[in-house]
N, C-alpha and C. Protein backbone atom coordinates (compact mmCIF):
# COMPACT_ATOMS: atom_id res chain seq x y z
N MET A 1 83.33 310.72 172.48
CA MET A 1 84.15 311.42 173.45
C MET A 1 85.58 310.89 173.35
N ILE A 2 86.53 311.81 173.30
CA ILE A 2 87.94 311.44 173.28
C ILE A 2 88.57 311.83 174.62
N ALA A 3 89.72 311.25 174.89
CA ALA A 3 90.49 311.65 176.07
C ALA A 3 91.83 312.18 175.59
N ILE A 4 92.24 313.29 176.18
CA ILE A 4 93.59 313.79 175.95
C ILE A 4 94.38 313.41 177.19
N THR A 5 95.42 312.64 176.97
CA THR A 5 96.18 312.04 178.07
C THR A 5 97.66 312.31 177.89
N SER A 6 98.42 311.91 178.87
CA SER A 6 99.86 311.82 178.74
C SER A 6 100.21 310.38 179.09
N LEU A 7 100.76 309.65 178.13
CA LEU A 7 101.20 308.29 178.41
C LEU A 7 102.38 308.37 179.36
N LEU A 8 102.48 307.40 180.26
CA LEU A 8 103.53 307.42 181.27
C LEU A 8 104.87 306.97 180.70
N ASP A 9 105.94 307.44 181.33
CA ASP A 9 107.27 307.04 180.88
C ASP A 9 107.44 305.53 181.03
N LYS A 10 108.46 304.99 180.40
CA LYS A 10 108.64 303.53 180.32
C LYS A 10 108.69 302.87 181.70
N LYS A 11 109.48 303.42 182.60
CA LYS A 11 109.64 302.83 183.93
C LYS A 11 108.30 302.80 184.68
N THR A 12 107.60 303.91 184.68
CA THR A 12 106.32 303.99 185.39
C THR A 12 105.27 303.13 184.72
N SER A 13 105.27 303.11 183.42
CA SER A 13 104.32 302.29 182.67
C SER A 13 104.51 300.81 183.04
N GLU A 14 105.76 300.38 183.13
CA GLU A 14 106.03 298.99 183.51
C GLU A 14 105.57 298.71 184.94
N ARG A 15 105.78 299.66 185.85
CA ARG A 15 105.31 299.50 187.24
C ARG A 15 103.80 299.34 187.29
N VAL A 16 103.09 300.22 186.59
CA VAL A 16 101.63 300.18 186.61
C VAL A 16 101.13 298.89 185.97
N SER A 17 101.72 298.50 184.86
CA SER A 17 101.31 297.26 184.19
C SER A 17 101.54 296.05 185.08
N GLU A 18 102.67 296.03 185.78
CA GLU A 18 102.95 294.93 186.70
C GLU A 18 101.91 294.88 187.82
N LEU A 19 101.57 296.04 188.37
CA LEU A 19 100.55 296.09 189.42
C LEU A 19 99.19 295.62 188.92
N THR A 20 98.78 296.07 187.75
CA THR A 20 97.47 295.66 187.24
C THR A 20 97.44 294.17 186.91
N GLU A 21 98.59 293.61 186.51
CA GLU A 21 98.67 292.16 186.30
C GLU A 21 98.47 291.43 187.63
N HIS A 22 99.11 291.92 188.68
CA HIS A 22 98.94 291.32 190.01
C HIS A 22 97.48 291.39 190.44
N LEU A 23 96.83 292.53 190.20
CA LEU A 23 95.43 292.70 190.60
C LEU A 23 94.52 291.76 189.81
N GLU A 24 94.87 291.51 188.57
CA GLU A 24 94.07 290.57 187.78
C GLU A 24 94.24 289.15 188.30
N LYS A 25 95.49 288.76 188.56
CA LYS A 25 95.74 287.39 189.04
C LYS A 25 95.16 287.15 190.43
N LYS A 26 95.34 288.10 191.34
CA LYS A 26 94.95 287.91 192.73
C LYS A 26 93.45 288.16 192.97
N PHE A 27 92.87 289.16 192.25
CA PHE A 27 91.49 289.56 192.52
C PHE A 27 90.55 289.44 191.32
N GLY A 28 91.09 289.05 190.16
CA GLY A 28 90.26 288.93 188.96
C GLY A 28 89.87 290.27 188.37
N LEU A 29 90.61 291.32 188.68
CA LEU A 29 90.27 292.67 188.21
C LEU A 29 91.00 292.98 186.90
N SER A 30 90.25 293.16 185.84
CA SER A 30 90.87 293.48 184.55
C SER A 30 90.18 294.66 183.87
N GLY A 31 89.21 295.28 184.53
CA GLY A 31 88.46 296.39 183.93
C GLY A 31 89.32 297.55 183.49
N VAL A 32 90.40 297.81 184.22
CA VAL A 32 91.27 298.94 183.89
C VAL A 32 91.90 298.77 182.51
N LYS A 33 91.93 297.54 182.02
CA LYS A 33 92.56 297.27 180.73
C LYS A 33 91.74 297.74 179.54
N ILE A 34 90.58 298.40 179.79
CA ILE A 34 89.86 299.00 178.66
C ILE A 34 90.72 300.08 178.01
N THR A 35 91.67 300.60 178.78
CA THR A 35 92.71 301.46 178.22
C THR A 35 94.03 300.73 178.44
N PRO A 36 94.59 300.14 177.39
CA PRO A 36 95.76 299.28 177.56
C PRO A 36 97.08 300.01 177.82
N TYR A 37 97.04 301.34 177.92
CA TYR A 37 98.28 302.08 178.13
C TYR A 37 98.18 302.83 179.46
N PRO A 38 99.10 302.61 180.39
CA PRO A 38 99.10 303.43 181.61
C PRO A 38 99.26 304.90 181.24
N HIS A 39 98.43 305.75 181.84
CA HIS A 39 98.36 307.14 181.42
C HIS A 39 97.82 308.03 182.53
N LEU A 40 97.94 309.33 182.29
CA LEU A 40 97.33 310.37 183.10
C LEU A 40 96.35 311.09 182.20
N THR A 41 95.05 311.07 182.54
CA THR A 41 94.05 311.76 181.71
C THR A 41 94.03 313.22 182.10
N LEU A 42 94.19 314.08 181.10
CA LEU A 42 94.16 315.52 181.30
C LEU A 42 92.76 316.08 181.10
N LEU A 43 92.02 315.53 180.16
CA LEU A 43 90.63 315.93 179.97
C LEU A 43 89.93 315.01 178.99
N THR A 44 88.61 315.07 179.00
CA THR A 44 87.80 314.38 178.00
C THR A 44 86.94 315.43 177.32
N ALA A 45 86.65 315.19 176.05
CA ALA A 45 85.89 316.18 175.28
C ALA A 45 85.24 315.53 174.08
N GLU A 46 84.22 316.20 173.58
CA GLU A 46 83.59 315.83 172.32
C GLU A 46 84.06 316.89 171.33
N VAL A 47 84.91 316.48 170.37
CA VAL A 47 85.53 317.43 169.43
C VAL A 47 85.10 317.06 168.02
N PRO A 48 84.30 317.92 167.38
CA PRO A 48 83.83 317.62 166.02
C PRO A 48 84.94 317.62 164.96
N ASP A 49 85.91 318.54 165.08
CA ASP A 49 86.95 318.66 164.07
C ASP A 49 88.28 318.13 164.64
N MET A 50 88.51 316.84 164.42
CA MET A 50 89.71 316.20 164.97
C MET A 50 91.00 316.75 164.35
N GLU A 51 90.95 317.17 163.11
CA GLU A 51 92.15 317.73 162.48
C GLU A 51 92.56 319.03 163.15
N GLU A 52 91.58 319.86 163.49
CA GLU A 52 91.87 321.11 164.22
C GLU A 52 92.52 320.78 165.56
N LEU A 53 91.97 319.79 166.26
CA LEU A 53 92.52 319.39 167.55
C LEU A 53 93.96 318.89 167.40
N LYS A 54 94.20 318.05 166.42
CA LYS A 54 95.54 317.49 166.22
C LYS A 54 96.55 318.58 165.88
N GLN A 55 96.17 319.54 165.07
CA GLN A 55 97.07 320.65 164.74
C GLN A 55 97.38 321.47 166.00
N TYR A 56 96.35 321.69 166.80
CA TYR A 56 96.53 322.43 168.05
C TYR A 56 97.49 321.68 168.99
N LEU A 57 97.27 320.38 169.19
CA LEU A 57 98.12 319.60 170.10
C LEU A 57 99.56 319.54 169.61
N GLU A 58 99.73 319.40 168.30
CA GLU A 58 101.09 319.37 167.75
C GLU A 58 101.80 320.69 168.03
N GLN A 59 101.11 321.80 167.82
CA GLN A 59 101.71 323.12 168.07
C GLN A 59 102.00 323.30 169.56
N MET A 60 101.05 322.91 170.40
CA MET A 60 101.23 323.05 171.84
C MET A 60 102.44 322.24 172.32
N CYS A 61 102.58 321.04 171.79
CA CYS A 61 103.71 320.18 172.19
C CYS A 61 105.04 320.75 171.72
N MET A 62 105.06 321.38 170.57
CA MET A 62 106.29 322.00 170.09
C MET A 62 106.74 323.11 171.04
N GLU A 63 105.79 323.72 171.72
CA GLU A 63 106.08 324.82 172.65
C GLU A 63 106.28 324.33 174.09
N SER A 64 106.17 323.04 174.32
CA SER A 64 106.24 322.48 175.68
C SER A 64 107.53 321.70 175.88
N GLN A 65 107.97 321.65 177.12
CA GLN A 65 109.16 320.88 177.49
C GLN A 65 108.75 319.78 178.46
N ASN A 66 109.52 318.69 178.49
CA ASN A 66 109.29 317.63 179.47
C ASN A 66 109.30 318.22 180.87
N PHE A 67 108.52 317.65 181.77
CA PHE A 67 108.58 318.03 183.17
C PHE A 67 108.21 316.82 184.02
N THR A 68 108.53 316.90 185.30
CA THR A 68 108.26 315.76 186.17
C THR A 68 107.10 316.07 187.10
N VAL A 69 106.41 315.01 187.46
CA VAL A 69 105.35 315.06 188.47
C VAL A 69 105.65 313.97 189.49
N ARG A 70 105.00 314.07 190.62
CA ARG A 70 105.18 313.07 191.67
C ARG A 70 103.83 312.48 192.05
N THR A 71 103.90 311.24 192.52
CA THR A 71 102.71 310.57 193.03
C THR A 71 102.95 310.24 194.49
N THR A 72 101.86 309.99 195.20
CA THR A 72 101.99 309.53 196.57
C THR A 72 100.69 308.88 197.02
N GLY A 73 100.81 307.79 197.74
CA GLY A 73 99.65 307.15 198.35
C GLY A 73 98.71 306.47 197.38
N LEU A 74 97.53 306.21 197.89
CA LEU A 74 96.44 305.59 197.13
C LEU A 74 95.17 306.40 197.35
N GLY A 75 94.26 306.31 196.40
CA GLY A 75 92.98 306.97 196.54
C GLY A 75 91.87 306.08 196.04
N VAL A 76 90.64 306.41 196.44
CA VAL A 76 89.44 305.67 196.02
C VAL A 76 88.36 306.67 195.66
N PHE A 77 87.78 306.50 194.47
CA PHE A 77 86.55 307.19 194.13
C PHE A 77 85.44 306.21 194.51
N PRO A 78 84.63 306.52 195.52
CA PRO A 78 83.64 305.55 196.00
C PRO A 78 82.48 305.37 195.03
N GLY A 79 81.71 304.33 195.26
CA GLY A 79 80.54 304.04 194.46
C GLY A 79 80.30 302.56 194.39
N GLN A 80 79.33 302.17 193.57
CA GLN A 80 79.01 300.75 193.40
C GLN A 80 80.21 299.97 192.87
N ASN A 81 80.98 300.61 191.99
CA ASN A 81 82.22 300.03 191.47
C ASN A 81 83.35 301.03 191.77
N PRO A 82 83.90 300.98 193.00
CA PRO A 82 84.93 301.96 193.37
C PRO A 82 86.12 301.94 192.41
N VAL A 83 86.70 303.10 192.20
CA VAL A 83 87.90 303.24 191.38
C VAL A 83 89.08 303.41 192.33
N VAL A 84 90.11 302.60 192.16
CA VAL A 84 91.32 302.68 192.97
C VAL A 84 92.41 303.31 192.11
N TYR A 85 93.09 304.31 192.68
CA TYR A 85 94.05 305.06 191.88
C TYR A 85 95.24 305.53 192.72
N ILE A 86 96.28 305.96 192.01
CA ILE A 86 97.45 306.60 192.60
C ILE A 86 97.31 308.09 192.33
N PRO A 87 97.21 308.93 193.37
CA PRO A 87 97.10 310.37 193.14
C PRO A 87 98.40 310.96 192.57
N VAL A 88 98.24 311.88 191.63
CA VAL A 88 99.35 312.64 191.08
C VAL A 88 99.25 314.04 191.69
N LEU A 89 100.33 314.49 192.30
CA LEU A 89 100.32 315.80 192.95
C LEU A 89 100.29 316.91 191.90
N ARG A 90 99.43 317.89 192.13
CA ARG A 90 99.35 319.03 191.21
C ARG A 90 100.51 319.97 191.48
N THR A 91 101.18 320.35 190.41
CA THR A 91 102.32 321.27 190.47
C THR A 91 102.05 322.42 189.50
N PRO A 92 102.76 323.54 189.63
CA PRO A 92 102.55 324.63 188.67
C PRO A 92 102.68 324.20 187.20
N PRO A 93 103.73 323.43 186.80
CA PRO A 93 103.79 323.04 185.38
C PRO A 93 102.60 322.18 184.94
N LEU A 94 102.16 321.26 185.81
CA LEU A 94 101.02 320.41 185.46
C LEU A 94 99.75 321.24 185.39
N ASN A 95 99.56 322.14 186.35
CA ASN A 95 98.38 323.00 186.34
C ASN A 95 98.35 323.91 185.11
N GLN A 96 99.51 324.44 184.73
CA GLN A 96 99.57 325.31 183.55
C GLN A 96 99.21 324.54 182.29
N LEU A 97 99.79 323.35 182.13
CA LEU A 97 99.47 322.52 180.96
C LEU A 97 97.98 322.20 180.93
N HIS A 98 97.46 321.73 182.05
CA HIS A 98 96.05 321.34 182.12
C HIS A 98 95.13 322.54 181.88
N GLY A 99 95.43 323.67 182.52
CA GLY A 99 94.59 324.86 182.37
C GLY A 99 94.55 325.35 180.93
N ARG A 100 95.70 325.39 180.28
CA ARG A 100 95.76 325.83 178.88
C ARG A 100 94.99 324.86 177.98
N LEU A 101 95.22 323.56 178.18
CA LEU A 101 94.50 322.56 177.39
C LEU A 101 92.99 322.71 177.57
N HIS A 102 92.55 322.81 178.81
CA HIS A 102 91.12 322.91 179.08
C HIS A 102 90.52 324.15 178.42
N ARG A 103 91.19 325.28 178.58
CA ARG A 103 90.70 326.54 177.99
C ARG A 103 90.60 326.43 176.46
N ASP A 104 91.67 325.97 175.82
CA ASP A 104 91.72 325.96 174.36
C ASP A 104 90.84 324.87 173.76
N VAL A 105 90.85 323.68 174.33
CA VAL A 105 90.05 322.58 173.78
C VAL A 105 88.56 322.85 173.99
N SER A 106 88.19 323.53 175.07
CA SER A 106 86.77 323.84 175.29
C SER A 106 86.23 324.73 174.17
N GLU A 107 87.08 325.54 173.56
CA GLU A 107 86.65 326.41 172.46
C GLU A 107 86.37 325.63 171.18
N MET A 108 86.97 324.44 171.04
CA MET A 108 86.75 323.66 169.82
C MET A 108 85.88 322.43 170.06
N SER A 109 85.32 322.31 171.27
CA SER A 109 84.52 321.12 171.58
C SER A 109 83.06 321.47 171.82
N THR A 110 82.21 320.47 171.68
CA THR A 110 80.78 320.63 171.95
C THR A 110 80.44 320.19 173.37
N GLU A 111 81.35 319.47 174.01
CA GLU A 111 81.13 318.99 175.38
C GLU A 111 82.47 318.69 176.02
N MET A 112 82.59 319.04 177.30
CA MET A 112 83.80 318.77 178.06
C MET A 112 83.44 317.89 179.25
N GLY A 113 84.32 316.95 179.60
CA GLY A 113 84.10 316.10 180.77
C GLY A 113 84.11 316.95 182.03
N LEU A 114 83.05 316.88 182.81
CA LEU A 114 82.86 317.70 184.01
C LEU A 114 84.01 317.59 185.00
N TYR A 115 84.48 316.38 185.28
CA TYR A 115 85.49 316.19 186.31
C TYR A 115 86.88 316.64 185.90
N TYR A 116 87.03 317.13 184.67
CA TYR A 116 88.32 317.61 184.20
C TYR A 116 88.40 319.12 184.19
N ASN A 117 87.36 319.77 184.72
CA ASN A 117 87.39 321.22 184.92
C ASN A 117 88.54 321.53 185.86
N PRO A 118 89.34 322.58 185.60
CA PRO A 118 90.50 322.87 186.47
C PRO A 118 90.16 322.98 187.97
N ASN A 119 88.95 323.36 188.31
CA ASN A 119 88.58 323.47 189.73
C ASN A 119 88.22 322.13 190.36
N LEU A 120 87.96 321.10 189.55
CA LEU A 120 87.54 319.80 190.06
C LEU A 120 88.56 318.69 189.81
N TRP A 121 89.44 318.90 188.85
CA TRP A 121 90.34 317.86 188.37
C TRP A 121 91.23 317.31 189.47
N LEU A 122 91.25 316.00 189.60
CA LEU A 122 92.13 315.30 190.52
C LEU A 122 92.98 314.35 189.68
N PRO A 123 94.19 314.77 189.30
CA PRO A 123 95.01 313.91 188.44
C PRO A 123 95.36 312.61 189.16
N HIS A 124 95.32 311.52 188.40
CA HIS A 124 95.54 310.20 189.01
C HIS A 124 95.91 309.17 187.95
N ILE A 125 96.45 308.06 188.43
CA ILE A 125 96.76 306.90 187.59
C ILE A 125 95.87 305.77 188.10
N THR A 126 94.99 305.29 187.25
CA THR A 126 94.01 304.29 187.66
C THR A 126 94.63 302.90 187.73
N LEU A 127 94.33 302.21 188.83
CA LEU A 127 94.78 300.83 189.01
C LEU A 127 93.64 299.83 188.88
N ALA A 128 92.43 300.20 189.31
CA ALA A 128 91.28 299.29 189.25
C ALA A 128 90.05 300.12 188.90
N LEU A 129 89.28 299.63 187.93
CA LEU A 129 88.17 300.41 187.38
C LEU A 129 87.11 299.49 186.81
N GLY A 130 85.86 299.75 187.19
CA GLY A 130 84.74 299.10 186.52
C GLY A 130 84.32 297.75 187.05
N ASP A 131 85.27 296.93 187.50
CA ASP A 131 84.89 295.59 187.97
C ASP A 131 85.20 295.40 189.46
N THR A 132 85.40 296.49 190.16
CA THR A 132 85.60 296.41 191.60
C THR A 132 84.26 296.43 192.31
N THR A 133 84.26 296.03 193.58
CA THR A 133 83.05 296.10 194.41
C THR A 133 83.47 296.62 195.78
N PRO A 134 82.53 297.17 196.55
CA PRO A 134 82.89 297.59 197.91
C PRO A 134 83.44 296.44 198.75
N GLU A 135 82.97 295.22 198.50
CA GLU A 135 83.42 294.06 199.28
C GLU A 135 84.89 293.72 199.02
N ILE A 136 85.36 293.94 197.82
CA ILE A 136 86.75 293.58 197.49
C ILE A 136 87.72 294.70 197.86
N LEU A 137 87.18 295.88 198.15
CA LEU A 137 88.01 297.06 198.40
C LEU A 137 88.98 296.85 199.57
N GLY A 138 88.52 296.29 200.69
CA GLY A 138 89.39 296.06 201.85
C GLY A 138 90.58 295.19 201.51
N PRO A 139 90.34 293.98 201.00
CA PRO A 139 91.47 293.11 200.64
C PRO A 139 92.38 293.73 199.56
N LEU A 140 91.77 294.43 198.63
CA LEU A 140 92.54 295.07 197.55
C LEU A 140 93.48 296.13 198.12
N LEU A 141 92.96 297.00 198.99
CA LEU A 141 93.79 298.04 199.59
C LEU A 141 94.85 297.44 200.52
N SER A 142 94.50 296.39 201.24
CA SER A 142 95.49 295.71 202.09
C SER A 142 96.65 295.18 201.24
N PHE A 143 96.34 294.62 200.09
CA PHE A 143 97.36 294.12 199.18
C PHE A 143 98.23 295.27 198.66
N LEU A 144 97.59 296.35 198.24
CA LEU A 144 98.33 297.47 197.65
C LEU A 144 99.17 298.23 198.68
N CYS A 145 98.84 298.10 199.96
CA CYS A 145 99.62 298.77 201.02
C CYS A 145 101.03 298.21 201.13
N ASN A 146 101.32 297.12 200.46
CA ASN A 146 102.66 296.55 200.45
C ASN A 146 103.59 297.27 199.48
N TYR A 147 103.05 298.21 198.70
CA TYR A 147 103.83 298.90 197.67
C TYR A 147 104.07 300.35 198.07
N ASN A 148 105.15 300.91 197.53
CA ASN A 148 105.47 302.32 197.71
C ASN A 148 104.99 303.06 196.46
N PHE A 149 104.20 304.11 196.66
CA PHE A 149 103.67 304.87 195.52
C PHE A 149 104.24 306.28 195.47
N ASN A 150 105.42 306.48 196.04
CA ASN A 150 106.10 307.77 195.95
C ASN A 150 107.01 307.72 194.72
N TRP A 151 106.43 308.08 193.59
CA TRP A 151 107.12 307.98 192.31
C TRP A 151 107.37 309.35 191.72
N GLU A 152 108.38 309.42 190.88
CA GLU A 152 108.63 310.60 190.05
C GLU A 152 108.46 310.18 188.60
N ILE A 153 107.66 310.92 187.87
CA ILE A 153 107.29 310.54 186.50
C ILE A 153 107.62 311.71 185.56
N THR A 154 108.25 311.42 184.44
CA THR A 154 108.50 312.43 183.43
C THR A 154 107.35 312.42 182.42
N LEU A 155 106.71 313.57 182.26
CA LEU A 155 105.67 313.71 181.23
C LEU A 155 106.32 314.34 180.01
N ASP A 156 106.13 313.70 178.84
CA ASP A 156 106.79 314.17 177.63
C ASP A 156 105.91 314.09 176.39
N ASN A 157 104.58 313.93 176.61
CA ASN A 157 103.70 313.77 175.44
C ASN A 157 102.27 314.14 175.77
N LEU A 158 101.51 314.39 174.72
CA LEU A 158 100.06 314.44 174.77
C LEU A 158 99.57 313.40 173.79
N THR A 159 98.62 312.59 174.22
CA THR A 159 98.14 311.49 173.39
C THR A 159 96.62 311.49 173.39
N ILE A 160 96.05 311.36 172.20
CA ILE A 160 94.60 311.25 172.05
C ILE A 160 94.22 309.78 172.13
N LEU A 161 93.29 309.46 173.03
CA LEU A 161 92.72 308.12 173.10
C LEU A 161 91.27 308.20 172.66
N GLN A 162 90.86 307.25 171.81
CA GLN A 162 89.50 307.20 171.29
C GLN A 162 88.87 305.87 171.63
N LYS A 163 87.57 305.89 171.87
CA LYS A 163 86.85 304.64 172.14
C LYS A 163 86.71 303.87 170.84
N CYS A 164 87.19 302.62 170.87
CA CYS A 164 87.08 301.70 169.73
C CYS A 164 86.49 300.41 170.27
N GLY A 165 85.19 300.19 170.07
CA GLY A 165 84.53 299.04 170.65
C GLY A 165 84.52 299.17 172.15
N GLU A 166 85.10 298.19 172.84
CA GLU A 166 85.14 298.21 174.31
C GLU A 166 86.38 298.92 174.87
N PHE A 167 87.31 299.30 174.01
CA PHE A 167 88.59 299.83 174.46
C PHE A 167 88.77 301.29 174.10
N PHE A 168 89.68 301.95 174.84
CA PHE A 168 90.17 303.28 174.47
C PHE A 168 91.56 303.08 173.91
N LEU A 169 91.72 303.35 172.61
CA LEU A 169 92.98 303.09 171.93
C LEU A 169 93.64 304.38 171.47
N LYS A 170 94.95 304.30 171.28
CA LYS A 170 95.73 305.46 170.87
C LYS A 170 95.36 305.88 169.46
N ASP A 171 94.98 307.15 169.30
CA ASP A 171 94.71 307.72 167.99
C ASP A 171 95.98 308.38 167.47
N GLU A 172 96.56 309.26 168.29
CA GLU A 172 97.81 309.92 167.87
C GLU A 172 98.54 310.42 169.10
N GLU A 173 99.88 310.39 169.02
CA GLU A 173 100.73 310.84 170.13
C GLU A 173 101.61 311.99 169.64
N PHE A 174 101.72 313.02 170.47
CA PHE A 174 102.52 314.20 170.16
C PHE A 174 103.57 314.35 171.26
N ARG A 175 104.84 314.47 170.87
CA ARG A 175 105.94 314.57 171.83
C ARG A 175 106.25 316.05 172.12
N PHE A 176 106.66 316.33 173.35
CA PHE A 176 107.05 317.68 173.72
C PHE A 176 108.39 318.04 173.08
N GLY A 177 108.56 319.32 172.77
CA GLY A 177 109.83 319.84 172.26
C GLY A 177 109.80 320.07 170.77
N ARG A 178 110.67 320.98 170.35
CA ARG A 178 110.78 321.32 168.93
C ARG A 178 111.32 320.16 168.12
N ARG A 179 110.83 320.02 166.91
CA ARG A 179 111.31 318.98 166.00
C ARG A 179 112.53 319.47 165.25
N GLU A 180 113.47 318.61 165.04
CA GLU A 180 114.66 318.94 164.27
C GLU A 180 114.36 318.79 162.79
N LEU A 181 114.77 319.73 162.01
CA LEU A 181 114.60 319.63 160.56
C LEU A 181 115.75 318.81 160.00
N ILE A 182 115.40 317.81 159.19
CA ILE A 182 116.42 316.97 158.57
C ILE A 182 116.52 317.36 157.10
N CYS A 183 117.72 317.77 156.68
CA CYS A 183 117.92 318.19 155.29
C CYS A 183 118.58 317.12 154.49
């Protein structure tokens, strides 16, 4: 299974990395580091022909322009190991990008991640994942309440992340906008 993501801009990436470092030092939480790049996951899929996918993403990015999204507050996906995240507000440009990706990639995949269906998708930036417990959630949220999560983020890429051992690592990154021909 691969993930199609958008890596976060430099400023936001540094903010998220700083926060996850604080969470590791204060609470021992490092599970989120299975993906070492702060990102927004657009979908997950099982794609047999990676070259077809890469050609599609490159073409799609050539036709796309940078756009901004906003975040606000904190969220929790409950469970035995709750996930703590920053919600990303859905906007028409984000919905259009996600909807087109989901429609087109589903045609070339054998399986799509259920929670990335346009009707279910909740875009977010993960802060704690996999090694959290319900018991640590209260102190963790109390700590995070000291931060402002009203951010503006520029999305300018689509990036494929692949599972490599215990980590999800960058396979290839595609930037939005037409490429200049150099003669």
